Protein backbone atom coordinates (compact mmCIF):
# COMPACT_ATOMS: atom_id res chain seq x y z
CA PRO A 1 -104.65 52.61 168.83
CA THR A 2 -101.86 52.34 166.32
CA SER A 3 -102.16 54.59 163.32
CA LEU A 4 -100.57 54.77 159.93
CA PHE A 5 -98.89 57.96 161.16
CA THR A 6 -97.10 55.92 163.86
CA VAL A 7 -95.89 53.41 161.27
CA ARG A 8 -94.61 56.20 159.00
CA SER A 9 -92.83 58.09 161.76
CA THR A 10 -91.19 54.90 163.05
CA ALA A 11 -89.98 54.04 159.55
CA LYS A 12 -88.50 57.52 159.25
CA GLU A 13 -86.75 57.19 162.62
CA ILE A 14 -85.23 53.85 161.56
CA SER A 15 -83.99 55.32 158.30
CA GLU A 16 -82.47 58.37 159.99
CA LEU A 17 -80.89 56.30 162.77
CA TRP A 18 -79.28 53.95 160.26
CA SER A 19 -78.11 56.57 157.76
CA GLY A 20 -76.65 58.73 160.54
CA HIS A 21 -74.73 55.82 162.04
CA ALA A 22 -73.51 54.52 158.68
CA LEU A 23 -72.22 58.00 157.80
CA LYS A 24 -70.43 58.37 161.14
CA ILE A 25 -68.77 54.99 160.59
CA ALA A 26 -67.83 55.79 156.99
CA THR A 27 -66.29 59.14 157.94
CA GLY A 28 -64.45 57.65 160.91
CA GLU A 29 -66.28 59.86 163.41
CA VAL A 30 -67.21 57.02 165.78
CA VAL A 31 -64.69 54.32 164.88
CA ARG A 32 -61.04 53.83 165.84
CA ARG A 33 -58.43 51.32 164.81
CA GLN A 34 -55.77 50.19 167.24
CA GLY A 35 -53.57 47.82 165.34
CA VAL A 36 -55.90 45.08 164.14
CA ALA A 37 -58.53 45.90 166.76
CA ILE A 38 -61.50 48.07 165.85
CA HIS A 39 -63.39 50.12 168.40
CA ILE A 40 -66.88 51.44 167.64
CA ASP A 41 -67.63 54.37 169.93
CA GLU A 42 -71.35 54.53 169.19
CA SER A 43 -73.74 51.58 169.22
CA ILE A 44 -77.21 51.87 167.74
CA ASP A 45 -78.09 48.21 168.29
CA LYS A 46 -80.45 48.73 171.23
CA GLU A 47 -82.29 51.72 169.70
CA LEU A 48 -82.47 50.15 166.22
CA ARG A 49 -83.85 46.93 167.71
CA ARG A 50 -86.45 48.89 169.70
CA GLN A 51 -87.54 50.88 166.64
CA VAL A 52 -87.78 47.78 164.42
CA GLU A 53 -89.88 46.00 167.05
CA HIS A 54 -92.14 49.04 167.26
CA PHE A 55 -92.43 49.17 163.46
CA LEU A 56 -93.31 45.46 163.15
CA ASN A 57 -95.93 45.65 165.88
CA SER A 58 -97.45 48.89 164.59
CA ALA A 59 -97.55 47.89 160.93
CA ALA A 60 -99.09 44.51 161.75
CA ARG A 61 -101.68 46.18 163.99
CA VAL A 62 -102.65 48.64 161.25
CA ILE A 63 -103.33 45.98 158.64
CA LYS A 64 -104.76 43.36 160.96
CA GLN A 65 -106.77 45.15 163.63
CA GLY A 66 -107.22 48.57 162.09
CA MET A 67 -108.23 47.44 158.64
CA GLN A 68 -110.35 44.55 159.89
CA GLY A 69 -112.31 46.98 162.04
CA LEU A 70 -112.65 49.57 159.30
CA THR A 71 -113.71 47.10 156.62
CA ALA A 72 -116.21 45.50 159.00
CA GLN A 73 -117.77 48.94 159.56
CA LEU A 74 -118.00 49.30 155.78
CA GLY A 75 -119.64 45.89 155.38
CA VAL A 76 -116.65 43.84 154.15
CA ASP A 77 -115.07 41.01 156.14
CA ILE A 78 -111.33 40.56 155.55
CA GLY A 79 -110.63 38.66 158.79
CA PHE A 80 -109.84 35.49 156.87
CA MET A 81 -106.74 37.19 155.46
CA PHE A 82 -104.96 36.74 158.78
CA LYS A 83 -105.92 33.11 159.40
CA GLN A 84 -104.26 29.83 158.50
CA GLN A 85 -104.09 28.88 154.81
CA PRO A 86 -107.25 26.69 154.64
CA ALA A 87 -109.41 29.40 156.25
CA PHE A 88 -107.77 32.01 154.02
CA GLU A 89 -108.56 29.99 150.89
CA ARG A 90 -112.20 29.56 151.95
CA GLY A 91 -112.51 33.29 152.63
CA ILE A 92 -110.97 34.22 149.28
CA ALA A 93 -113.30 31.80 147.47
CA GLU A 94 -116.34 33.37 149.18
CA LEU A 95 -115.15 36.92 148.50
CA LYS A 96 -114.55 36.14 144.80
CA ALA A 97 -118.29 35.63 144.40
CA THR A 98 -119.11 39.19 145.50
CA ALA A 99 -115.88 41.17 145.04
CA PRO A 100 -113.46 39.43 142.68
CA LEU A 101 -111.10 42.40 142.36
CA LEU A 102 -110.77 42.76 146.13
CA ALA A 103 -110.29 38.99 146.46
CA GLU A 104 -107.47 39.08 143.90
CA TYR A 105 -105.87 42.08 145.63
CA LEU A 106 -105.98 40.41 149.06
CA ASP A 107 -104.60 37.16 147.63
CA GLN A 108 -101.70 39.02 145.96
CA SER A 109 -101.07 41.06 149.12
CA ARG A 110 -100.79 37.95 151.23
CA GLN A 111 -98.52 36.19 148.74
CA THR A 112 -96.18 39.09 148.10
CA TRP A 113 -95.80 40.94 151.42
CA SER A 114 -98.39 40.75 154.22
CA GLU A 115 -97.56 37.18 155.20
CA ARG A 116 -93.87 38.18 155.58
CA LEU A 117 -94.84 41.14 157.75
CA ILE A 118 -97.14 39.08 159.97
CA LYS A 119 -94.60 36.24 160.22
CA SER A 120 -91.87 38.70 161.20
CA ARG A 121 -94.10 40.10 163.95
CA ILE A 122 -95.01 36.60 165.15
CA ASP A 123 -91.33 35.60 165.20
CA LEU A 124 -90.59 38.68 167.27
CA GLU A 125 -93.40 38.10 169.77
CA HIS A 126 -93.48 34.31 170.01
CA ASN A 127 -90.27 32.82 168.62
CA ASN A 128 -87.66 34.94 170.41
CA TRP A 129 -86.43 36.60 167.23
CA SER A 130 -84.68 39.91 167.59
CA LEU A 131 -82.90 42.14 165.15
CA PRO A 132 -79.27 41.03 164.82
CA ARG A 133 -76.54 43.43 165.90
CA VAL A 134 -74.97 45.79 163.39
CA SER A 135 -71.82 44.29 161.94
CA TYR A 136 -68.86 46.07 160.41
CA ASP A 137 -66.95 45.21 157.26
CA THR A 138 -63.24 45.78 157.70
CA SER A 139 -62.01 44.10 154.53
CA GLY A 140 -61.16 47.35 152.74
CA ALA A 141 -59.25 50.43 153.79
CA ASN A 142 -62.39 51.91 155.35
CA ILE A 143 -64.75 50.43 157.90
CA VAL A 144 -68.33 50.08 156.71
CA ALA A 145 -71.45 49.43 158.81
CA VAL A 146 -73.45 46.44 157.53
CA GLU A 147 -77.22 46.55 158.01
CA PRO A 148 -78.83 43.73 159.96
CA LEU A 149 -81.46 41.72 158.09
CA VAL A 150 -85.19 41.37 158.62
CA ALA A 151 -86.79 38.51 156.68
CA GLY A 152 -83.69 38.29 154.51
CA GLN A 153 -83.60 42.01 153.62
CA PRO A 154 -81.47 44.86 154.95
CA VAL A 155 -83.50 46.51 157.70
CA THR A 156 -84.04 49.87 155.97
CA GLU A 157 -85.06 48.15 152.72
CA PHE A 158 -87.51 45.90 154.58
CA VAL A 159 -89.01 48.80 156.54
CA GLN A 160 -89.36 51.11 153.53
CA GLY A 161 -90.88 48.33 151.40
CA MET A 162 -93.36 47.35 154.11
CA LEU A 163 -94.28 50.96 154.78
CA ASP A 164 -95.08 51.41 151.10
CA ARG A 165 -97.15 48.22 150.99
CA VAL A 166 -99.06 49.03 154.21
CA CYS A 167 -99.91 52.55 152.96
CA CYS A 168 -101.12 51.19 149.62
CA PHE A 169 -103.11 48.48 151.39
CA VAL A 170 -104.89 50.97 153.63
CA GLU A 171 -105.65 53.26 150.70
CA ASP A 172 -106.70 50.59 148.20
CA VAL A 173 -108.87 48.51 150.53
CA THR A 174 -110.50 51.59 152.04
CA ALA A 175 -111.25 53.03 148.60
CA HIS A 176 -112.75 49.73 147.46
CA CYS A 177 -115.00 49.47 150.52
CA ILE A 178 -116.17 53.08 150.23
CA GLN A 179 -116.94 52.61 146.54
CA LYS A 180 -118.89 49.44 147.36
CA LYS A 181 -120.95 51.40 149.92
């Protein structure tokens, strides 16, 4: 089973992979100019893509399967959070009657971040999305690596933001359920 530890370590690997590559590009260690042609001697595209796919799958599994199972064991059903909008709205309405603070938290989580995470994972698995290749800005004197985007955000920003949200989600929902018990 996927754990929060897996999500954290994958996020760290993505950050280190990107920062290392960007530094090597910035210092000229792995880039050469021949006239107007630019040659990049080190590609991280394949490994970065693999790590991002692993992160998306792991993070989605933690909040969807892991937390659904945990909350069910603690007597709270959050399965509606991962369903289509009408089922979600019905579930939130029912939860508001017994746990209004949790209902508000789940509603805000879905609106602000979890839907983007789940959609990104669905796009990866079912809509043939893959992380775009690293591009390089050559407009200035130096060559700069440009981060590919995930859901409109630079990959490291997306991963760090989602890691933070997933960790808070696990902690906050678990604490609420334990207090309710």
